[in-house]
C-alpha atoms as a PDB file:
ATOM      1  CA  UNK A   1     185.208 -19.047 -82.985  1.00  0.00           C
ATOM      2  CA  UNK A   2     181.819 -18.948 -84.673  1.00  0.00           C
ATOM      3  CA  UNK A   3     180.111 -22.295 -84.310  1.00  0.00           C
ATOM      4  CA  UNK A   4     178.278 -23.911 -87.231  1.00  0.00           C
ATOM      5  CA  UNK A   5     174.489 -23.942 -87.339  1.00  0.00           C
ATOM      6  CA  UNK A   6     174.054 -27.404 -88.859  1.00  0.00           C
ATOM      7  CA  UNK A   7     170.253 -27.492 -88.952  1.00  0.00           C
ATOM      8  CA  UNK A   8     169.601 -24.064 -90.405  1.00  0.00           C
ATOM      9  CA  UNK A   9     167.942 -24.666 -93.747  1.00  0.00           C
ATOM     10  CA  UNK A  10     169.081 -22.520 -96.694  1.00  0.00           C
ATOM     11  CA  UNK A  11     167.624 -19.029 -96.854  1.00  0.00           C
ATOM     12  CA  UNK A  12     167.740 -18.996-100.658  1.00  0.00           C
ATOM     13  CA  UNK A  13     166.808 -21.516-103.303  1.00  0.00           C
ATOM     14  CA  UNK A  14     169.597 -23.822-104.416  1.00  0.00           C
ATOM     15  CA  UNK A  15     171.405 -22.574-107.529  1.00  0.00           C
ATOM     16  CA  UNK A  16     173.355 -25.309-109.258  1.00  0.00           C
ATOM     17  CA  UNK A  17     177.140 -24.907-109.104  1.00  0.00           C
ATOM     18  CA  UNK A  18     177.844 -27.783-111.491  1.00  0.00           C
ATOM     19  CA  UNK A  19     176.518 -28.799-114.881  1.00  0.00           C
ATOM     20  CA  UNK A  20     177.837 -32.242-115.891  1.00  0.00           C
ATOM     21  CA  UNK A  21     176.019 -33.840-118.799  1.00  0.00           C
ATOM     22  CA  UNK A  22     175.828 -37.153-120.594  1.00  0.00           C
ATOM     23  CA  UNK A  23     176.361 -39.926-118.051  1.00  0.00           C
ATOM     24  CA  UNK A  24     174.205 -42.958-118.813  1.00  0.00           C
ATOM     25  CA  UNK A  25     174.292 -44.119-115.195  1.00  0.00           C
ATOM     26  CA  UNK A  26     172.961 -41.439-112.840  1.00  0.00           C
ATOM     27  CA  UNK A  27     175.227 -42.803-110.098  1.00  0.00           C
ATOM     28  CA  UNK A  28     178.190 -41.373-112.014  1.00  0.00           C
ATOM     29  CA  UNK A  29     176.991 -37.905-111.041  1.00  0.00           C
ATOM     30  CA  UNK A  30     177.517 -38.611-107.339  1.00  0.00           C
ATOM     31  CA  UNK A  31     180.943 -36.902-107.031  1.00  0.00           C
ATOM     32  CA  UNK A  32     179.418 -33.704-108.408  1.00  0.00           C
ATOM     33  CA  UNK A  33     176.385 -34.015-106.127  1.00  0.00           C
ATOM     34  CA  UNK A  34     178.581 -34.438-103.060  1.00  0.00           C
ATOM     35  CA  UNK A  35     180.260 -31.128-103.781  1.00  0.00           C
ATOM     36  CA  UNK A  36     177.010 -29.528-104.980  1.00  0.00           C
ATOM     37  CA  UNK A  37     175.185 -30.155-101.709  1.00  0.00           C
ATOM     38  CA  UNK A  38     178.192 -29.798 -99.385  1.00  0.00           C
ATOM     39  CA  UNK A  39     178.342 -33.443 -98.327  1.00  0.00           C
ATOM     40  CA  UNK A  40     174.960 -33.426 -96.601  1.00  0.00           C
ATOM     41  CA  UNK A  41     171.414 -34.595 -97.219  1.00  0.00           C
ATOM     42  CA  UNK A  42     169.248 -31.940 -98.825  1.00  0.00           C
ATOM     43  CA  UNK A  43     166.230 -33.076 -96.787  1.00  0.00           C
ATOM     44  CA  UNK A  44     167.443 -33.729 -93.229  1.00  0.00           C
ATOM     45  CA  UNK A  45     170.830 -31.905 -93.419  1.00  0.00           C
ATOM     46  CA  UNK A  46     172.708 -34.857 -91.933  1.00  0.00           C
ATOM     47  CA  UNK A  47     176.359 -34.994 -93.023  1.00  0.00           C
ATOM     48  CA  UNK A  48     178.619 -37.676 -94.385  1.00  0.00           C
ATOM     49  CA  UNK A  49     180.905 -37.459 -91.335  1.00  0.00           C
ATOM     50  CA  UNK A  50     178.031 -38.470 -89.075  1.00  0.00           C
ATOM     51  CA  UNK A  51     177.863 -41.931 -90.639  1.00  0.00           C
ATOM     52  CA  UNK A  52     180.463 -44.689 -90.104  1.00  0.00           C
ATOM     53  CA  UNK A  53     180.703 -45.406 -93.828  1.00  0.00           C
ATOM     54  CA  UNK A  54     180.611 -41.728 -94.788  1.00  0.00           C
ATOM     55  CA  UNK A  55     179.518 -41.238 -98.419  1.00  0.00           C
ATOM     56  CA  UNK A  56     178.403 -44.869 -98.563  1.00  0.00           C
ATOM     57  CA  UNK A  57     175.279 -43.812 -96.663  1.00  0.00           C
ATOM     58  CA  UNK A  58     174.360 -41.225 -99.300  1.00  0.00           C
ATOM     59  CA  UNK A  59     173.041 -41.469-102.813  1.00  0.00           C
ATOM     60  CA  UNK A  60     171.683 -39.563-105.788  1.00  0.00           C
ATOM     61  CA  UNK A  61     167.958 -39.000-105.333  1.00  0.00           C
ATOM     62  CA  UNK A  62     165.623 -38.195-108.207  1.00  0.00           C
ATOM     63  CA  UNK A  63     163.582 -35.179-107.170  1.00  0.00           C
ATOM     64  CA  UNK A  64     161.028 -36.110-109.824  1.00  0.00           C
ATOM     65  CA  UNK A  65     160.955 -39.896-109.455  1.00  0.00           C
ATOM     66  CA  UNK A  66     161.966 -42.113-112.360  1.00  0.00           C
ATOM     67  CA  UNK A  67     158.563 -43.802-112.215  1.00  0.00           C
ATOM     68  CA  UNK A  68     156.881 -40.474-112.940  1.00  0.00           C
ATOM     69  CA  UNK A  69     159.304 -39.107-115.547  1.00  0.00           C
ATOM     70  CA  UNK A  70     161.802 -41.720-116.780  1.00  0.00           C
ATOM     71  CA  UNK A  71     163.206 -39.178-119.252  1.00  0.00           C
ATOM     72  CA  UNK A  72     164.809 -37.322-116.340  1.00  0.00           C
ATOM     73  CA  UNK A  73     166.596 -40.345-114.880  1.00  0.00           C
ATOM     74  CA  UNK A  74     170.026 -39.037-115.913  1.00  0.00           C
ATOM     75  CA  UNK A  75     169.218 -35.310-115.840  1.00  0.00           C
ATOM     76  CA  UNK A  76     171.692 -33.764-113.398  1.00  0.00           C
ATOM     77  CA  UNK A  77     169.295 -30.915-112.618  1.00  0.00           C
ATOM     78  CA  UNK A  78     166.770 -33.478-111.372  1.00  0.00           C
ATOM     79  CA  UNK A  79     169.240 -35.062-108.945  1.00  0.00           C
ATOM     80  CA  UNK A  80     169.826 -34.093-105.323  1.00  0.00           C
ATOM     81  CA  UNK A  81     172.109 -35.539-102.647  1.00  0.00           C
ATOM     82  CA  UNK A  82     170.251 -37.485 -99.984  1.00  0.00           C
ATOM     83  CA  UNK A  83     171.029 -39.897 -97.181  1.00  0.00           C
ATOM     84  CA  UNK A  84     169.829 -43.423 -97.854  1.00  0.00           C
ATOM     85  CA  UNK A  85     167.270 -43.135 -95.046  1.00  0.00           C
ATOM     86  CA  UNK A  86     165.514 -40.132 -96.569  1.00  0.00           C
ATOM     87  CA  UNK A  87     165.849 -41.627-100.034  1.00  0.00           C
ATOM     88  CA  UNK A  88     164.271 -44.904 -98.961  1.00  0.00           C
ATOM     89  CA  UNK A  89     161.358 -43.141 -97.253  1.00  0.00           C
ATOM     90  CA  UNK A  90     160.772 -40.862-100.239  1.00  0.00           C
ATOM     91  CA  UNK A  91     160.817 -43.709-102.777  1.00  0.00           C
ATOM     92  CA  UNK A  92     158.653 -42.796-105.789  1.00  0.00           C
ATOM     93  CA  UNK A  93     156.627 -40.125-104.035  1.00  0.00           C
ATOM     94  CA  UNK A  94     156.386 -36.791-105.798  1.00  0.00           C
ATOM     95  CA  UNK A  95     156.991 -33.898-103.401  1.00  0.00           C
ATOM     96  CA  UNK A  96     156.199 -30.253-104.036  1.00  0.00           C
ATOM     97  CA  UNK A  97     159.105 -28.561-102.239  1.00  0.00           C
ATOM     98  CA  UNK A  98     161.889 -28.315-104.793  1.00  0.00           C
ATOM     99  CA  UNK A  99     165.126 -26.933-103.237  1.00  0.00           C
ATOM    100  CA  UNK A 100     165.954 -25.380-106.612  1.00  0.00           C
ATOM    101  CA  UNK A 101     162.716 -23.402-106.541  1.00  0.00           C
ATOM    102  CA  UNK A 102     162.124 -22.459-102.897  1.00  0.00           C
ATOM    103  CA  UNK A 103     164.187 -21.544 -99.847  1.00  0.00           C
ATOM    104  CA  UNK A 104     163.750 -24.379 -97.369  1.00  0.00           C
ATOM    105  CA  UNK A 105     164.167 -21.999 -94.413  1.00  0.00           C
ATOM    106  CA  UNK A 106     160.721 -20.633 -95.229  1.00  0.00           C
ATOM    107  CA  UNK A 107     159.278 -24.101 -94.732  1.00  0.00           C
ATOM    108  CA  UNK A 108     161.315 -25.796 -91.975  1.00  0.00           C
ATOM    109  CA  UNK A 109     162.706 -24.794 -88.612  1.00  0.00           C
ATOM    110  CA  UNK A 110     164.608 -26.822 -86.021  1.00  0.00           C
ATOM    111  CA  UNK A 111     164.256 -25.977 -82.326  1.00  0.00           C
ATOM    112  CA  UNK A 112     166.995 -26.065 -79.695  1.00  0.00           C
ATOM    113  CA  UNK A 113     165.702 -29.439 -78.504  1.00  0.00           C
ATOM    114  CA  UNK A 114     166.156 -30.906 -81.984  1.00  0.00           C
ATOM    115  CA  UNK A 115     162.503 -31.120 -83.006  1.00  0.00           C
ATOM    116  CA  UNK A 116     161.718 -30.042 -86.548  1.00  0.00           C
ATOM    117  CA  UNK A 117     158.586 -28.091 -87.442  1.00  0.00           C
ATOM    118  CA  UNK A 118     156.964 -27.611 -90.810  1.00  0.00           C
ATOM    119  CA  UNK A 119     155.960 -24.018 -91.487  1.00  0.00           C
ATOM    120  CA  UNK A 120     153.783 -24.931 -94.468  1.00  0.00           C
ATOM    121  CA  UNK A 121     151.513 -27.808 -95.362  1.00  0.00           C
ATOM    122  CA  UNK A 122     153.969 -29.222 -97.949  1.00  0.00           C
ATOM    123  CA  UNK A 123     156.720 -29.105 -95.304  1.00  0.00           C
ATOM    124  CA  UNK A 124     154.532 -30.911 -92.766  1.00  0.00           C
ATOM    125  CA  UNK A 125     153.779 -33.552 -95.380  1.00  0.00           C
ATOM    126  CA  UNK A 126     157.479 -34.013 -96.127  1.00  0.00           C
ATOM    127  CA  UNK A 127     158.370 -34.292 -92.425  1.00  0.00           C
ATOM    128  CA  UNK A 128     155.756 -37.022 -92.085  1.00  0.00           C
ATOM    129  CA  UNK A 129     156.817 -38.787 -95.272  1.00  0.00           C
ATOM    130  CA  UNK A 130     160.499 -38.863 -94.275  1.00  0.00           C
ATOM    131  CA  UNK A 131     159.763 -39.376 -90.554  1.00  0.00           C
ATOM    132  CA  UNK A 132     162.042 -36.466 -89.728  1.00  0.00           C
ATOM    133  CA  UNK A 133     160.721 -35.696 -86.248  1.00  0.00           C
ATOM    134  CA  UNK A 134     161.241 -39.156 -84.761  1.00  0.00           C
ATOM    135  CA  UNK A 135     164.253 -41.339 -84.050  1.00  0.00           C
ATOM    136  CA  UNK A 136     166.704 -41.939 -85.554  1.00  0.00           C
ATOM    137  CA  UNK A 137     166.607 -38.509 -87.240  1.00  0.00           C
ATOM    138  CA  UNK A 138     165.608 -36.717 -84.039  1.00  0.00           C
ATOM    139  CA  UNK A 139     168.243 -38.549 -82.010  1.00  0.00           C
ATOM    140  CA  UNK A 140     170.961 -37.518 -84.464  1.00  0.00           C
ATOM    141  CA  UNK A 141     169.983 -33.848 -84.248  1.00  0.00           C
ATOM    142  CA  UNK A 142     169.906 -33.937 -80.456  1.00  0.00           C
ATOM    143  CA  UNK A 143     173.346 -35.589 -80.304  1.00  0.00           C
ATOM    144  CA  UNK A 144     174.857 -33.047 -82.676  1.00  0.00           C
ATOM    145  CA  UNK A 145     173.344 -30.142 -80.777  1.00  0.00           C
ATOM    146  CA  UNK A 146     174.829 -31.538 -77.541  1.00  0.00           C
ATOM    147  CA  UNK A 147     178.268 -31.578 -79.150  1.00  0.00           C
ATOM    148  CA  UNK A 148     177.842 -27.920 -80.074  1.00  0.00           C
ATOM    149  CA  UNK A 149     176.774 -26.989 -76.550  1.00  0.00           C
ATOM    150  CA  UNK A 150     179.839 -28.758 -75.139  1.00  0.00           C
ATOM    151  CA  UNK A 151     182.104 -26.998 -77.616  1.00  0.00           C
ATOM    152  CA  UNK A 152     180.598 -23.689 -76.553  1.00  0.00           C
ATOM    153  CA  UNK A 153     181.114 -24.587 -72.885  1.00  0.00           C
ATOM    154  CA  UNK A 154     184.701 -25.801 -73.343  1.00  0.00           C
ATOM    155  CA  UNK A 155     185.989 -23.812 -76.339  1.00  0.00           C
ATOM    156  CA  UNK A 156     189.701 -24.297 -75.541  1.00  0.00           C
ATOM    157  CA  UNK A 157     189.704 -27.946 -74.553  1.00  0.00           C
ATOM    158  CA  UNK A 158     191.818 -29.856 -77.128  1.00  0.00           C
ATOM    159  CA  UNK A 159     189.909 -33.128 -76.754  1.00  0.00           C
ATOM    160  CA  UNK A 160     186.635 -31.311 -77.194  1.00  0.00           C
ATOM    161  CA  UNK A 161     187.986 -29.613 -80.289  1.00  0.00           C
ATOM    162  CA  UNK A 162     189.016 -32.959 -81.752  1.00  0.00           C
ATOM    163  CA  UNK A 163     185.517 -34.315 -81.125  1.00  0.00           C
ATOM    164  CA  UNK A 164     184.060 -31.177 -82.662  1.00  0.00           C
ATOM    165  CA  UNK A 165     186.127 -31.622 -85.831  1.00  0.00           C
ATOM    166  CA  UNK A 166     184.964 -35.225 -86.089  1.00  0.00           C
ATOM    167  CA  UNK A 167     181.480 -33.860 -86.746  1.00  0.00           C
ATOM    168  CA  UNK A 168     182.031 -30.530 -88.472  1.00  0.00           C
ATOM    169  CA  UNK A 169     185.163 -30.759 -90.596  1.00  0.00           C
ATOM    170  CA  UNK A 170     185.001 -31.462 -94.301  1.00  0.00           C
ATOM    171  CA  UNK A 171     185.405 -35.114 -95.333  1.00  0.00           C
ATOM    172  CA  UNK A 172     189.003 -36.235 -95.662  1.00  0.00           C
ATOM    173  CA  UNK A 173     188.320 -37.522 -99.156  1.00  0.00           C
ATOM    174  CA  UNK A 174     186.977 -34.757-101.379  1.00  0.00           C
ATOM    175  CA  UNK A 175     185.990 -35.477-104.980  1.00  0.00           C
ATOM    176  CA  UNK A 176     188.557 -34.248-107.498  1.00  0.00           C
ATOM    177  CA  UNK A 177     186.130 -32.977-110.111  1.00  0.00           C
ATOM    178  CA  UNK A 178     188.961 -31.768-112.346  1.00  0.00           C
ATOM    179  CA  UNK A 179     189.592 -35.420-113.199  1.00  0.00           C
ATOM    180  CA  UNK A 180     185.976 -35.986-114.214  1.00  0.00           C
ATOM    181  CA  UNK A 181     185.116 -35.779-117.893  1.00  0.00           C
ATOM    182  CA  UNK A 182     181.349 -35.986-118.394  1.00  0.00           C
ATOM    183  CA  UNK A 183     180.533 -37.436-121.844  1.00  0.00           C
ATOM    184  CA  UNK A 184     178.640 -34.335-122.959  1.00  0.00           C
ATOM    185  CA  UNK A 185     180.794 -31.827-121.129  1.00  0.00           C
ATOM    186  CA  UNK A 186     180.094 -29.502-118.221  1.00  0.00           C
ATOM    187  CA  UNK A 187     177.928 -26.426-118.707  1.00  0.00           C
ATOM    188  CA  UNK A 188     179.343 -24.843-115.543  1.00  0.00           C
ATOM    189  CA  UNK A 189     183.121 -25.369-115.550  1.00  0.00           C
ATOM    190  CA  UNK A 190     183.687 -22.619-112.991  1.00  0.00           C
ATOM    191  CA  UNK A 191     182.028 -24.880-110.437  1.00  0.00           C
ATOM    192  CA  UNK A 192     184.980 -27.255-110.716  1.00  0.00           C
ATOM    193  CA  UNK A 193     187.431 -24.397-110.195  1.00  0.00           C
ATOM    194  CA  UNK A 194     185.568 -23.419-107.018  1.00  0.00           C
ATOM    195  CA  UNK A 195     184.972 -26.943-105.726  1.00  0.00           C
ATOM    196  CA  UNK A 196     185.910 -27.895-102.186  1.00  0.00           C
ATOM    197  CA  UNK A 197     188.813 -30.061-103.322  1.00  0.00           C
ATOM    198  CA  UNK A 198     190.281 -27.123-105.248  1.00  0.00           C
ATOM    199  CA  UNK A 199     189.873 -24.947-102.170  1.00  0.00           C
ATOM    200  CA  UNK A 200     191.786 -27.504-100.136  1.00  0.00           C
ATOM    201  CA  UNK A 201     194.595 -27.531-102.692  1.00  0.00           C
ATOM    202  CA  UNK A 202     194.792 -23.746-102.429  1.00  0.00           C
ATOM    203  CA  UNK A 203     194.654 -23.852 -98.610  1.00  0.00           C
ATOM    204  CA  UNK A 204     191.475 -21.742 -98.627  1.00  0.00           C
ATOM    205  CA  UNK A 205     189.127 -24.447 -97.348  1.00  0.00           C
ATOM    206  CA  UNK A 206     187.663 -23.529 -93.930  1.00  0.00           C
ATOM    207  CA  UNK A 207     188.381 -25.851 -91.015  1.00  0.00           C
ATOM    208  CA  UNK A 208     184.678 -26.480 -90.456  1.00  0.00           C
ATOM    209  CA  UNK A 209     181.343 -25.709 -92.058  1.00  0.00           C
END
């Protein structure tokens, strides 16, 4: 079994899979954002399953803050999925590393001991802004990496596998985007057809990610 690499940042820029349009409340885009960013924070890579209240600890973050460009408040292409911790630290700060423009793997790396390093000045600034190399973010990474080491050590232990799935399976509740009808339509309908909920219905969803 190939184990996940949960703190490997994307090697390519993020290309939007969904294109909902027209919601007046940006929070209505959250089901699309969950699927768009694979149920994890775009900044720290922490996952919904790692929080007791799951998606309740995540929100839509404005990459370009509302205070800077209020016209983009409900622009789906300006929204990313972020944990509430990263979102609260970011606040109205304008950051230069846009996941839709750059591959984050060129800017961030996570060591085996869980520490994160910025490979560029903008990355170092973001790590400081979001406090990514201190607890609780550091503690979470170290705990998750311990789980992976134990899974590697005891690959056939059923209790270990159950624990492993508690951290690396997809959420039980996946957004059914086929039931969503954005007021101004969806410019990328194929994204709905390939969403994680549709994959589950077709029994093609992987056990872990």
